[in-house]
Amino acid sequence: QVQLVESGGGLVQPGGSLRLSCAASGSIFTFKPMGWYRQAPGKEREFVAFISPGGSTTNYADSVRGRFTIYRENAKNSGYLQMNSLKPEDTAVYYCNLYPNHWGKGTLVTVSS
């Protein structure tokens, strides 16, 4: 059974930065693609970023490309989302996903002055 625990969310001013972390239990992390998704109040969950098992392939939603960076440290069973130049519209609960259907409980990011 895989468990994913996100951390690193919080309140940040527009233009600021945060780094989200996703810690995974179990032994399959290294072999699975992972991603970050987010859900803003009143909206559906949406894709944010993807990374392949070895880390060589990444993909981003258009809304975050150039501002967010996804990476992983398989030796630590951990994945990360570095978020820079944050905007109020980035406010959401951010979820870690391990392909295909393992999810964390989320961490709240609030971008506000």
PDB file of N, CA and C in Angstrom:
ATOM      1  N   GLN A   1       0.845  -1.183   0.000  1.00  0.00           N
ATOM      2  CA  GLN A   1       0.000   0.000   0.000  1.00  0.00           C
ATOM      3  C   GLN A   1       0.888   1.243   0.000  1.00  0.00           C
ATOM      4  N   VAL A   2       0.645   2.112  -0.959  1.00  0.00           N
ATOM      5  CA  VAL A   2       1.426   3.338  -1.067  1.00  0.00           C
ATOM      6  C   VAL A   2       0.717   4.464  -0.333  1.00  0.00           C
ATOM      7  N   GLN A   3       1.464   5.208   0.462  1.00  0.00           N
ATOM      8  CA  GLN A   3       0.936   6.415   1.083  1.00  0.00           C
ATOM      9  C   GLN A   3       1.768   7.601   0.631  1.00  0.00           C
ATOM     10  N   LEU A   4       1.074   8.674   0.293  1.00  0.00           N
ATOM     11  CA  LEU A   4       1.723   9.905  -0.146  1.00  0.00           C
ATOM     12  C   LEU A   4       1.361  11.023   0.820  1.00  0.00           C
ATOM     13  N   VAL A   5       2.362  11.772   1.248  1.00  0.00           N
ATOM     14  CA  VAL A   5       2.125  12.867   2.184  1.00  0.00           C
ATOM     15  C   VAL A   5       2.759  14.135   1.619  1.00  0.00           C
ATOM     16  N   GLU A   6       1.910  15.123   1.349  1.00  0.00           N
ATOM     17  CA  GLU A   6       2.396  16.398   0.853  1.00  0.00           C
ATOM     18  C   GLU A   6       2.716  17.342   2.014  1.00  0.00           C
ATOM     19  N   SER A   7       3.631  18.238   1.771  1.00  0.00           N
ATOM     20  CA  SER A   7       3.957  19.281   2.750  1.00  0.00           C
ATOM     21  C   SER A   7       4.527  20.481   2.013  1.00  0.00           C
ATOM     22  N   GLY A   8       4.622  21.602   2.726  1.00  0.00           N
ATOM     23  CA  GLY A   8       5.246  22.780   2.155  1.00  0.00           C
ATOM     24  C   GLY A   8       4.288  23.884   1.748  1.00  0.00           C
ATOM     25  N   GLY A   9       2.990  23.620   1.855  1.00  0.00           N
ATOM     26  CA  GLY A   9       2.031  24.658   1.519  1.00  0.00           C
ATOM     27  C   GLY A   9       2.013  25.771   2.561  1.00  0.00           C
ATOM     28  N   GLY A  10       1.301  26.832   2.239  1.00  0.00           N
ATOM     29  CA  GLY A  10       1.199  27.940   3.171  1.00  0.00           C
ATOM     30  C   GLY A  10       0.729  29.197   2.480  1.00  0.00           C
ATOM     31  N   LEU A  11       0.844  30.304   3.192  1.00  0.00           N
ATOM     32  CA  LEU A  11       0.456  31.608   2.675  1.00  0.00           C
ATOM     33  C   LEU A  11       1.691  32.331   2.144  1.00  0.00           C
ATOM     34  N   VAL A  12       1.600  32.845   0.925  1.00  0.00           N
ATOM     35  CA  VAL A  12       2.723  33.543   0.314  1.00  0.00           C
ATOM     36  C   VAL A  12       2.181  34.732  -0.464  1.00  0.00           C
ATOM     37  N   GLN A  13       2.963  35.773  -0.538  1.00  0.00           N
ATOM     38  CA  GLN A  13       2.558  36.958  -1.292  1.00  0.00           C
ATOM     39  C   GLN A  13       2.749  36.743  -2.791  1.00  0.00           C
ATOM     40  N   PRO A  14       1.983  37.440  -3.606  1.00  0.00           N
ATOM     41  CA  PRO A  14       2.197  37.353  -5.062  1.00  0.00           C
ATOM     42  C   PRO A  14       3.653  37.658  -5.414  1.00  0.00           C
ATOM     43  N   GLY A  15       4.181  36.854  -6.328  1.00  0.00           N
ATOM     44  CA  GLY A  15       5.577  36.979  -6.701  1.00  0.00           C
ATOM     45  C   GLY A  15       6.512  36.131  -5.875  1.00  0.00           C
ATOM     46  N   GLY A  16       6.006  35.555  -4.819  1.00  0.00           N
ATOM     47  CA  GLY A  16       6.832  34.734  -3.938  1.00  0.00           C
ATOM     48  C   GLY A  16       7.010  33.323  -4.438  1.00  0.00           C
ATOM     49  N   SER A  17       7.690  32.516  -3.607  1.00  0.00           N
ATOM     50  CA  SER A  17       8.011  31.140  -3.965  1.00  0.00           C
ATOM     51  C   SER A  17       7.657  30.193  -2.835  1.00  0.00           C
ATOM     52  N   LEU A  18       7.364  28.961  -3.211  1.00  0.00           N
ATOM     53  CA  LEU A  18       7.168  27.865  -2.271  1.00  0.00           C
ATOM     54  C   LEU A  18       7.704  26.599  -2.912  1.00  0.00           C
ATOM     55  N   ARG A  19       8.128  25.669  -2.065  1.00  0.00           N
ATOM     56  CA  ARG A  19       8.490  24.347  -2.547  1.00  0.00           C
ATOM     57  C   ARG A  19       7.617  23.319  -1.850  1.00  0.00           C
ATOM     58  N   LEU A  20       6.875  22.571  -2.657  1.00  0.00           N
ATOM     59  CA  LEU A  20       6.058  21.485  -2.124  1.00  0.00           C
ATOM     60  C   LEU A  20       6.850  20.184  -2.170  1.00  0.00           C
ATOM     61  N   SER A  21       6.617  19.356  -1.177  1.00  0.00           N
ATOM     62  CA  SER A  21       7.254  18.047  -1.115  1.00  0.00           C
ATOM     63  C   SER A  21       6.192  16.960  -1.055  1.00  0.00           C
ATOM     64  N   CYS A  22       6.535  15.817  -1.599  1.00  0.00           N
ATOM     65  CA  CYS A  22       5.665  14.638  -1.551  1.00  0.00           C
ATOM     66  C   CYS A  22       6.515  13.457  -1.110  1.00  0.00           C
ATOM     67  N   ALA A  23       6.232  12.954   0.082  1.00  0.00           N
ATOM     68  CA  ALA A  23       6.966  11.814   0.616  1.00  0.00           C
ATOM     69  C   ALA A  23       6.143  10.552   0.421  1.00  0.00           C
ATOM     70  N   ALA A  24       6.755   9.534  -0.163  1.00  0.00           N
ATOM     71  CA  ALA A  24       6.051   8.291  -0.467  1.00  0.00           C
ATOM     72  C   ALA A  24       6.566   7.144   0.380  1.00  0.00           C
ATOM     73  N   SER A  25       5.644   6.308   0.815  1.00  0.00           N
ATOM     74  CA  SER A  25       6.023   5.071   1.481  1.00  0.00           C
ATOM     75  C   SER A  25       5.988   3.944   0.460  1.00  0.00           C
ATOM     76  N   GLY A  26       6.549   2.806   0.803  1.00  0.00           N
ATOM     77  CA  GLY A  26       6.521   1.672  -0.102  1.00  0.00           C
ATOM     78  C   GLY A  26       7.694   1.655  -1.059  1.00  0.00           C
ATOM     79  N   SER A  27       7.715   0.645  -1.908  1.00  0.00           N
ATOM     80  CA  SER A  27       8.883   0.406  -2.747  1.00  0.00           C
ATOM     81  C   SER A  27       8.658   0.680  -4.226  1.00  0.00           C
ATOM     82  N   ILE A  28       7.483   1.186  -4.585  1.00  0.00           N
ATOM     83  CA  ILE A  28       7.206   1.335  -6.015  1.00  0.00           C
ATOM     84  C   ILE A  28       7.478   2.736  -6.534  1.00  0.00           C
ATOM     85  N   PHE A  29       7.814   3.663  -5.646  1.00  0.00           N
ATOM     86  CA  PHE A  29       7.948   5.063  -6.056  1.00  0.00           C
ATOM     87  C   PHE A  29       8.901   5.204  -7.235  1.00  0.00           C
ATOM     88  N   THR A  30      10.021   4.531  -7.153  1.00  0.00           N
ATOM     89  CA  THR A  30      11.071   4.671  -8.164  1.00  0.00           C
ATOM     90  C   THR A  30      10.591   4.273  -9.559  1.00  0.00           C
ATOM     91  N   PHE A  31       9.606   3.427  -9.633  1.00  0.00           N
ATOM     92  CA  PHE A  31       9.188   2.840 -10.907  1.00  0.00           C
ATOM     93  C   PHE A  31       7.967   3.512 -11.525  1.00  0.00           C
ATOM     94  N   LYS A  32       7.428   4.509 -10.848  1.00  0.00           N
ATOM     95  CA  LYS A  32       6.174   5.090 -11.282  1.00  0.00           C
ATOM     96  C   LYS A  32       6.333   6.557 -11.687  1.00  0.00           C
ATOM     97  N   PRO A  33       5.604   6.968 -12.730  1.00  0.00           N
ATOM     98  CA  PRO A  33       5.519   8.408 -12.990  1.00  0.00           C
ATOM     99  C   PRO A  33       4.788   9.074 -11.828  1.00  0.00           C
ATOM    100  N   MET A  34       5.091  10.332 -11.610  1.00  0.00           N
ATOM    101  CA  MET A  34       4.351  11.070 -10.593  1.00  0.00           C
ATOM    102  C   MET A  34       3.953  12.435 -11.142  1.00  0.00           C
ATOM    103  N   GLY A  35       2.978  13.008 -10.483  1.00  0.00           N
ATOM    104  CA  GLY A  35       2.522  14.305 -10.933  1.00  0.00           C
ATOM    105  C   GLY A  35       1.989  15.137  -9.791  1.00  0.00           C
ATOM    106  N   TRP A  36       1.759  16.389 -10.090  1.00  0.00           N
ATOM    107  CA  TRP A  36       1.097  17.315  -9.173  1.00  0.00           C
ATOM    108  C   TRP A  36      -0.175  17.820  -9.840  1.00  0.00           C
ATOM    109  N   TYR A  37      -1.224  17.871  -9.057  1.00  0.00           N
ATOM    110  CA  TYR A  37      -2.506  18.395  -9.490  1.00  0.00           C
ATOM    111  C   TYR A  37      -2.945  19.428  -8.462  1.00  0.00           C
ATOM    112  N   ARG A  38      -3.926  20.239  -8.831  1.00  0.00           N
ATOM    113  CA  ARG A  38      -4.435  21.215  -7.871  1.00  0.00           C
ATOM    114  C   ARG A  38      -5.929  21.406  -8.063  1.00  0.00           C
ATOM    115  N   GLN A  39      -6.564  21.829  -6.985  1.00  0.00           N
ATOM    116  CA  GLN A  39      -8.002  22.095  -7.026  1.00  0.00           C
ATOM    117  C   GLN A  39      -8.269  23.397  -6.303  1.00  0.00           C
ATOM    118  N   ALA A  40      -8.730  24.367  -7.057  1.00  0.00           N
ATOM    119  CA  ALA A  40      -9.084  25.659  -6.489  1.00  0.00           C
ATOM    120  C   ALA A  40     -10.514  25.610  -5.979  1.00  0.00           C
ATOM    121  N   PRO A  41     -10.877  26.495  -5.061  1.00  0.00           N
ATOM    122  CA  PRO A  41     -12.252  26.501  -4.539  1.00  0.00           C
ATOM    123  C   PRO A  41     -13.277  26.622  -5.655  1.00  0.00           C
ATOM    124  N   GLY A  42     -14.240  25.717  -5.651  1.00  0.00           N
ATOM    125  CA  GLY A  42     -15.312  25.769  -6.631  1.00  0.00           C
ATOM    126  C   GLY A  42     -14.942  25.266  -8.012  1.00  0.00           C
ATOM    127  N   LYS A  43     -13.731  24.726  -8.150  1.00  0.00           N
ATOM    128  CA  LYS A  43     -13.299  24.244  -9.465  1.00  0.00           C
ATOM    129  C   LYS A  43     -12.918  22.784  -9.397  1.00  0.00           C
ATOM    130  N   GLU A  44     -12.788  22.174 -10.565  1.00  0.00           N
ATOM    131  CA  GLU A  44     -12.382  20.778 -10.636  1.00  0.00           C
ATOM    132  C   GLU A  44     -10.861  20.666 -10.475  1.00  0.00           C
ATOM    133  N   ARG A  45     -10.435  19.477 -10.066  1.00  0.00           N
ATOM    134  CA  ARG A  45      -9.010  19.219  -9.970  1.00  0.00           C
ATOM    135  C   ARG A  45      -8.377  19.296 -11.359  1.00  0.00           C
ATOM    136  N   GLU A  46      -7.203  19.915 -11.441  1.00  0.00           N
ATOM    137  CA  GLU A  46      -6.545  20.070 -12.740  1.00  0.00           C
ATOM    138  C   GLU A  46      -5.086  19.653 -12.662  1.00  0.00           C
ATOM    139  N   PHE A  47      -4.578  19.244 -13.789  1.00  0.00           N
ATOM    140  CA  PHE A  47      -3.188  18.838 -13.927  1.00  0.00           C
ATOM    141  C   PHE A  47      -2.267  20.043 -13.792  1.00  0.00           C
ATOM    142  N   VAL A  48      -1.138  19.839 -13.114  1.00  0.00           N
ATOM    143  CA  VAL A  48      -0.136  20.889 -12.979  1.00  0.00           C
ATOM    144  C   VAL A  48       1.180  20.480 -13.627  1.00  0.00           C
ATOM    145  N   ALA A  49       1.689  19.306 -13.233  1.00  0.00           N
ATOM    146  CA  ALA A  49       3.009  18.897 -13.726  1.00  0.00           C
ATOM    147  C   ALA A  49       3.153  17.394 -13.639  1.00  0.00           C
ATOM    148  N   PHE A  50       4.049  16.865 -14.491  1.00  0.00           N
ATOM    149  CA  PHE A  50       4.296  15.422 -14.599  1.00  0.00           C
ATOM    150  C   PHE A  50       5.798  15.188 -14.688  1.00  0.00           C
ATOM    151  N   ILE A  51       6.229  14.055 -14.121  1.00  0.00           N
ATOM    152  CA  ILE A  51       7.627  13.660 -14.270  1.00  0.00           C
ATOM    153  C   ILE A  51       7.697  12.147 -14.425  1.00  0.00           C
ATOM    154  N   SER A  52       8.545  11.688 -15.317  1.00  0.00           N
ATOM    155  CA  SER A  52       8.707  10.251 -15.571  1.00  0.00           C
ATOM    156  C   SER A  52       9.459   9.596 -14.408  1.00  0.00           C
ATOM    157  N   PRO A  53       9.456   8.271 -14.358  1.00  0.00           N
ATOM    158  CA  PRO A  53      10.102   7.596 -13.222  1.00  0.00           C
ATOM    159  C   PRO A  53      11.562   7.984 -13.009  1.00  0.00           C
ATOM    160  N   GLY A  54      12.314   8.086 -14.103  1.00  0.00           N
ATOM    161  CA  GLY A  54      13.720   8.431 -13.972  1.00  0.00           C
ATOM    162  C   GLY A  54      13.996   9.916 -13.923  1.00  0.00           C
ATOM    163  N   GLY A  55      12.958  10.708 -14.185  1.00  0.00           N
ATOM    164  CA  GLY A  55      13.116  12.155 -14.120  1.00  0.00           C
ATOM    165  C   GLY A  55      13.526  12.824 -15.425  1.00  0.00           C
ATOM    166  N   SER A  56      13.673  12.045 -16.480  1.00  0.00           N
ATOM    167  CA  SER A  56      14.182  12.636 -17.730  1.00  0.00           C
ATOM    168  C   SER A  56      13.109  13.360 -18.525  1.00  0.00           C
ATOM    169  N   THR A  57      11.858  13.051 -18.253  1.00  0.00           N
ATOM    170  CA  THR A  57      10.755  13.673 -18.991  1.00  0.00           C
ATOM    171  C   THR A  57       9.837  14.402 -18.024  1.00  0.00           C
ATOM    172  N   THR A  58       9.553  15.644 -18.363  1.00  0.00           N
ATOM    173  CA  THR A  58       8.625  16.448 -17.571  1.00  0.00           C
ATOM    174  C   THR A  58       7.624  17.122 -18.493  1.00  0.00           C
ATOM    175  N   ASN A  59       6.507  17.491 -17.929  1.00  0.00           N
ATOM    176  CA  ASN A  59       5.489  18.206 -18.690  1.00  0.00           C
ATOM    177  C   ASN A  59       4.732  19.108 -17.720  1.00  0.00           C
ATOM    178  N   TYR A  60       4.235  20.223 -18.246  1.00  0.00           N
ATOM    179  CA  TYR A  60       3.583  21.214 -17.390  1.00  0.00           C
ATOM    180  C   TYR A  60       2.310  21.737 -18.033  1.00  0.00           C
ATOM    181  N   ALA A  61       1.390  22.130 -17.207  1.00  0.00           N
ATOM    182  CA  ALA A  61       0.244  22.884 -17.687  1.00  0.00           C
ATOM    183  C   ALA A  61       0.735  24.232 -18.212  1.00  0.00           C
ATOM    184  N   ASP A  62       0.061  24.736 -19.215  1.00  0.00           N
ATOM    185  CA  ASP A  62       0.465  26.013 -19.807  1.00  0.00           C
ATOM    186  C   ASP A  62       0.488  27.135 -18.763  1.00  0.00           C
ATOM    187  N   SER A  63      -0.417  27.046 -17.814  1.00  0.00           N
ATOM    188  CA  SER A  63      -0.558  28.113 -16.827  1.00  0.00           C
ATOM    189  C   SER A  63       0.621  28.213 -15.868  1.00  0.00           C
ATOM    190  N   VAL A  64       1.432  27.151 -15.774  1.00  0.00           N
ATOM    191  CA  VAL A  64       2.545  27.175 -14.819  1.00  0.00           C
ATOM    192  C   VAL A  64       3.903  27.015 -15.489  1.00  0.00           C
ATOM    193  N   ARG A  65       3.897  26.696 -16.772  1.00  0.00           N
ATOM    194  CA  ARG A  65       5.180  26.467 -17.469  1.00  0.00           C
ATOM    195  C   ARG A  65       6.057  27.703 -17.376  1.00  0.00           C
ATOM    196  N   GLY A  66       7.316  27.475 -17.037  1.00  0.00           N
ATOM    197  CA  GLY A  66       8.254  28.578 -16.884  1.00  0.00           C
ATOM    198  C   GLY A  66       8.316  29.145 -15.474  1.00  0.00           C
ATOM    199  N   ARG A  67       7.330  28.794 -14.651  1.00  0.00           N
ATOM    200  CA  ARG A  67       7.317  29.269 -13.260  1.00  0.00           C
ATOM    201  C   ARG A  67       7.495  28.127 -12.263  1.00  0.00           C
ATOM    202  N   PHE A  68       6.982  26.954 -12.593  1.00  0.00           N
ATOM    203  CA  PHE A  68       7.046  25.794 -11.709  1.00  0.00           C
ATOM    204  C   PHE A  68       8.049  24.777 -12.261  1.00  0.00           C
ATOM    205  N   THR A  69       8.682  24.051 -11.358  1.00  0.00           N
ATOM    206  CA  THR A  69       9.599  22.985 -11.735  1.00  0.00           C
ATOM    207  C   THR A  69       9.306  21.753 -10.906  1.00  0.00           C
ATOM    208  N   ILE A  70       9.098  20.631 -11.583  1.00  0.00           N
ATOM    209  CA  ILE A  70       8.884  19.361 -10.894  1.00  0.00           C
ATOM    210  C   ILE A  70      10.175  18.560 -10.941  1.00  0.00           C
ATOM    211  N   TYR A  71      10.518  17.921  -9.839  1.00  0.00           N
ATOM    212  CA  TYR A  71      11.682  17.047  -9.823  1.00  0.00           C
ATOM    213  C   TYR A  71      11.486  16.006  -8.736  1.00  0.00           C
ATOM    214  N   ARG A  72      12.360  15.010  -8.739  1.00  0.00           N
ATOM    215  CA  ARG A  72      12.206  13.921  -7.778  1.00  0.00           C
ATOM    216  C   ARG A  72      13.568  13.406  -7.339  1.00  0.00           C
ATOM    217  N   GLU A  73      13.589  12.836  -6.165  1.00  0.00           N
ATOM    218  CA  GLU A  73      14.780  12.172  -5.624  1.00  0.00           C
ATOM    219  C   GLU A  73      14.366  10.756  -5.262  1.00  0.00           C
ATOM    220  N   ASN A  74      14.574   9.830  -6.173  1.00  0.00           N
ATOM    221  CA  ASN A  74      14.102   8.461  -5.957  1.00  0.00           C
ATOM    222  C   ASN A  74      14.767   7.804  -4.748  1.00  0.00           C
ATOM    223  N   ALA A  75      16.003   8.160  -4.485  1.00  0.00           N
ATOM    224  CA  ALA A  75      16.695   7.570  -3.335  1.00  0.00           C
ATOM    225  C   ALA A  75      16.016   7.951  -2.021  1.00  0.00           C
ATOM    226  N   LYS A  76      15.279   9.058  -2.043  1.00  0.00           N
ATOM    227  CA  LYS A  76      14.566   9.510  -0.846  1.00  0.00           C
ATOM    228  C   LYS A  76      13.069   9.244  -0.943  1.00  0.00           C
ATOM    229  N   ASN A  77      12.638   8.560  -1.993  1.00  0.00           N
ATOM    230  CA  ASN A  77      11.200   8.323  -2.196  1.00  0.00           C
ATOM    231  C   ASN A  77      10.410   9.629  -2.125  1.00  0.00           C
ATOM    232  N   SER A  78      10.933  10.655  -2.748  1.00  0.00           N
ATOM    233  CA  SER A  78      10.313  11.977  -2.628  1.00  0.00           C
ATOM    234  C   SER A  78      10.238  12.692  -3.973  1.00  0.00           C
ATOM    235  N   GLY A  79       9.179  13.476  -4.090  1.00  0.00           N
ATOM    236  CA  GLY A  79       9.021  14.340  -5.242  1.00  0.00           C
ATOM    237  C   GLY A  79       8.774  15.759  -4.780  1.00  0.00           C
ATOM    238  N   TYR A  80       9.008  16.708  -5.694  1.00  0.00           N
ATOM    239  CA  TYR A  80       8.939  18.122  -5.301  1.00  0.00           C
ATOM    240  C   TYR A  80       8.306  18.958  -6.405  1.00  0.00           C
ATOM    241  N   LEU A  81       7.780  20.083  -6.000  1.00  0.00           N
ATOM    242  CA  LEU A  81       7.286  21.077  -6.953  1.00  0.00           C
ATOM    243  C   LEU A  81       7.780  22.435  -6.480  1.00  0.00           C
ATOM    244  N   GLN A  82       8.745  22.979  -7.200  1.00  0.00           N
ATOM    245  CA  GLN A  82       9.244  24.317  -6.899  1.00  0.00           C
ATOM    246  C   GLN A  82       8.371  25.318  -7.639  1.00  0.00           C
ATOM    247  N   MET A  83       7.775  26.220  -6.891  1.00  0.00           N
ATOM    248  CA  MET A  83       6.842  27.180  -7.467  1.00  0.00           C
ATOM    249  C   MET A  83       7.387  28.589  -7.265  1.00  0.00           C
ATOM    250  N   ASN A  84       7.647  29.262  -8.370  1.00  0.00           N
ATOM    251  CA  ASN A  84       8.163  30.637  -8.332  1.00  0.00           C
ATOM    252  C   ASN A  84       7.163  31.589  -8.982  1.00  0.00           C
ATOM    253  N   SER A  85       7.356  32.873  -8.733  1.00  0.00           N
ATOM    254  CA  SER A  85       6.492  33.897  -9.333  1.00  0.00           C
ATOM    255  C   SER A  85       5.020  33.569  -9.143  1.00  0.00           C
ATOM    256  N   LEU A  86       4.670  33.223  -7.928  1.00  0.00           N
ATOM    257  CA  LEU A  86       3.304  32.793  -7.643  1.00  0.00           C
ATOM    258  C   LEU A  86       2.301  33.916  -7.857  1.00  0.00           C
ATOM    259  N   LYS A  87       1.126  33.509  -8.320  1.00  0.00           N
ATOM    260  CA  LYS A  87       0.032  34.435  -8.611  1.00  0.00           C
ATOM    261  C   LYS A  87      -1.178  34.071  -7.755  1.00  0.00           C
ATOM    262  N   PRO A  88      -2.068  35.008  -7.520  1.00  0.00           N
ATOM    263  CA  PRO A  88      -3.279  34.669  -6.754  1.00  0.00           C
ATOM    264  C   PRO A  88      -4.060  33.508  -7.353  1.00  0.00           C
ATOM    265  N   GLU A  89      -4.034  33.379  -8.666  1.00  0.00           N
ATOM    266  CA  GLU A  89      -4.764  32.284  -9.309  1.00  0.00           C
ATOM    267  C   GLU A  89      -4.109  30.921  -9.101  1.00  0.00           C
ATOM    268  N   ASP A  90      -2.948  30.895  -8.491  1.00  0.00           N
ATOM    269  CA  ASP A  90      -2.326  29.618  -8.121  1.00  0.00           C
ATOM    270  C   ASP A  90      -2.866  29.077  -6.799  1.00  0.00           C
ATOM    271  N   THR A  91      -3.692  29.858  -6.135  1.00  0.00           N
ATOM    272  CA  THR A  91      -4.281  29.418  -4.866  1.00  0.00           C
ATOM    273  C   THR A  91      -5.118  28.168  -5.068  1.00  0.00           C
ATOM    274  N   ALA A  92      -4.792  27.126  -4.326  1.00  0.00           N
ATOM    275  CA  ALA A  92      -5.482  25.838  -4.478  1.00  0.00           C
ATOM    276  C   ALA A  92      -4.930  24.852  -3.462  1.00  0.00           C
ATOM    277  N   VAL A  93      -5.611  23.734  -3.344  1.00  0.00           N
ATOM    278  CA  VAL A  93      -5.043  22.577  -2.659  1.00  0.00           C
ATOM    279  C   VAL A  93      -4.254  21.789  -3.699  1.00  0.00           C
ATOM    280  N   TYR A  94      -3.006  21.510  -3.396  1.00  0.00           N
ATOM    281  CA  TYR A  94      -2.119  20.796  -4.306  1.00  0.00           C
ATOM    282  C   TYR A  94      -1.977  19.349  -3.868  1.00  0.00           C
ATOM    283  N   TYR A  95      -2.151  18.444  -4.839  1.00  0.00           N
ATOM    284  CA  TYR A  95      -2.122  17.015  -4.570  1.00  0.00           C
ATOM    285  C   TYR A  95      -0.976  16.345  -5.329  1.00  0.00           C
ATOM    286  N   CYS A  96      -0.343  15.429  -4.655  1.00  0.00           N
ATOM    287  CA  CYS A  96       0.668  14.587  -5.272  1.00  0.00           C
ATOM    288  C   CYS A  96      -0.010  13.318  -5.807  1.00  0.00           C
ATOM    289  N   ASN A  97       0.386  12.900  -6.984  1.00  0.00           N
ATOM    290  CA  ASN A  97      -0.153  11.681  -7.584  1.00  0.00           C
ATOM    291  C   ASN A  97       0.982  10.762  -8.006  1.00  0.00           C
ATOM    292  N   LEU A  98       0.838   9.488  -7.661  1.00  0.00           N
ATOM    293  CA  LEU A  98       1.743   8.458  -8.160  1.00  0.00           C
ATOM    294  C   LEU A  98       0.919   7.575  -9.072  1.00  0.00           C
ATOM    295  N   TYR A  99       1.365   7.495 -10.320  1.00  0.00           N
ATOM    296  CA  TYR A  99       0.577   6.814 -11.340  1.00  0.00           C
ATOM    297  C   TYR A  99       0.245   5.378 -10.934  1.00  0.00           C
ATOM    298  N   PRO A 100      -0.994   4.902 -11.207  1.00  0.00           N
ATOM    299  CA  PRO A 100      -2.044   5.706 -11.820  1.00  0.00           C
ATOM    300  C   PRO A 100      -2.990   6.356 -10.817  1.00  0.00           C
ATOM    301  N   ASN A 101      -3.162   5.745  -9.666  1.00  0.00           N
ATOM    302  CA  ASN A 101      -4.272   6.226  -8.845  1.00  0.00           C
ATOM    303  C   ASN A 101      -3.938   6.313  -7.363  1.00  0.00           C
ATOM    304  N   HIS A 102      -2.698   6.649  -7.053  1.00  0.00           N
ATOM    305  CA  HIS A 102      -2.335   6.898  -5.656  1.00  0.00           C
ATOM    306  C   HIS A 102      -2.283   8.406  -5.443  1.00  0.00           C
ATOM    307  N   TRP A 103      -2.983   8.852  -4.401  1.00  0.00           N
ATOM    308  CA  TRP A 103      -3.101  10.282  -4.144  1.00  0.00           C
ATOM    309  C   TRP A 103      -2.790  10.599  -2.688  1.00  0.00           C
ATOM    310  N   GLY A 104      -2.199  11.752  -2.482  1.00  0.00           N
ATOM    311  CA  GLY A 104      -2.074  12.277  -1.131  1.00  0.00           C
ATOM    312  C   GLY A 104      -3.321  13.044  -0.752  1.00  0.00           C
ATOM    313  N   LYS A 105      -3.310  13.583   0.480  1.00  0.00           N
ATOM    314  CA  LYS A 105      -4.464  14.315   0.963  1.00  0.00           C
ATOM    315  C   LYS A 105      -4.405  15.799   0.617  1.00  0.00           C
ATOM    316  N   GLY A 106      -3.274  16.253   0.142  1.00  0.00           N
ATOM    317  CA  GLY A 106      -3.174  17.618  -0.332  1.00  0.00           C
ATOM    318  C   GLY A 106      -2.564  18.581   0.668  1.00  0.00           C
ATOM    319  N   THR A 107      -2.057  19.682   0.132  1.00  0.00           N
ATOM    320  CA  THR A 107      -1.533  20.771   0.958  1.00  0.00           C
ATOM    321  C   THR A 107      -2.008  22.087   0.350  1.00  0.00           C
ATOM    322  N   LEU A 108      -2.451  22.988   1.215  1.00  0.00           N
ATOM    323  CA  LEU A 108      -3.072  24.223   0.749  1.00  0.00           C
ATOM    324  C   LEU A 108      -2.028  25.294   0.471  1.00  0.00           C
ATOM    325  N   VAL A 109      -2.133  25.875  -0.711  1.00  0.00           N
ATOM    326  CA  VAL A 109      -1.298  27.019  -1.086  1.00  0.00           C
ATOM    327  C   VAL A 109      -2.208  28.229  -1.273  1.00  0.00           C
ATOM    328  N   THR A 110      -1.913  29.283  -0.561  1.00  0.00           N
ATOM    329  CA  THR A 110      -2.693  30.516  -0.674  1.00  0.00           C
ATOM    330  C   THR A 110      -1.765  31.644  -1.083  1.00  0.00           C
ATOM    331  N   VAL A 111      -2.074  32.275  -2.203  1.00  0.00           N
ATOM    332  CA  VAL A 111      -1.264  33.385  -2.702  1.00  0.00           C
ATOM    333  C   VAL A 111      -2.095  34.657  -2.559  1.00  0.00           C
ATOM    334  N   SER A 112      -1.680  35.497  -1.635  1.00  0.00           N
ATOM    335  CA  SER A 112      -2.468  36.688  -1.340  1.00  0.00           C
ATOM    336  C   SER A 112      -1.595  37.726  -0.659  1.00  0.00           C
ATOM    337  N   SER A 113      -1.929  38.975  -0.892  1.00  0.00           N
ATOM    338  CA  SER A 113      -1.227  40.065  -0.208  1.00  0.00           C
ATOM    339  C   SER A 113      -1.990  40.482   1.053  1.00  0.00           C
TER     340      SER A 113
END
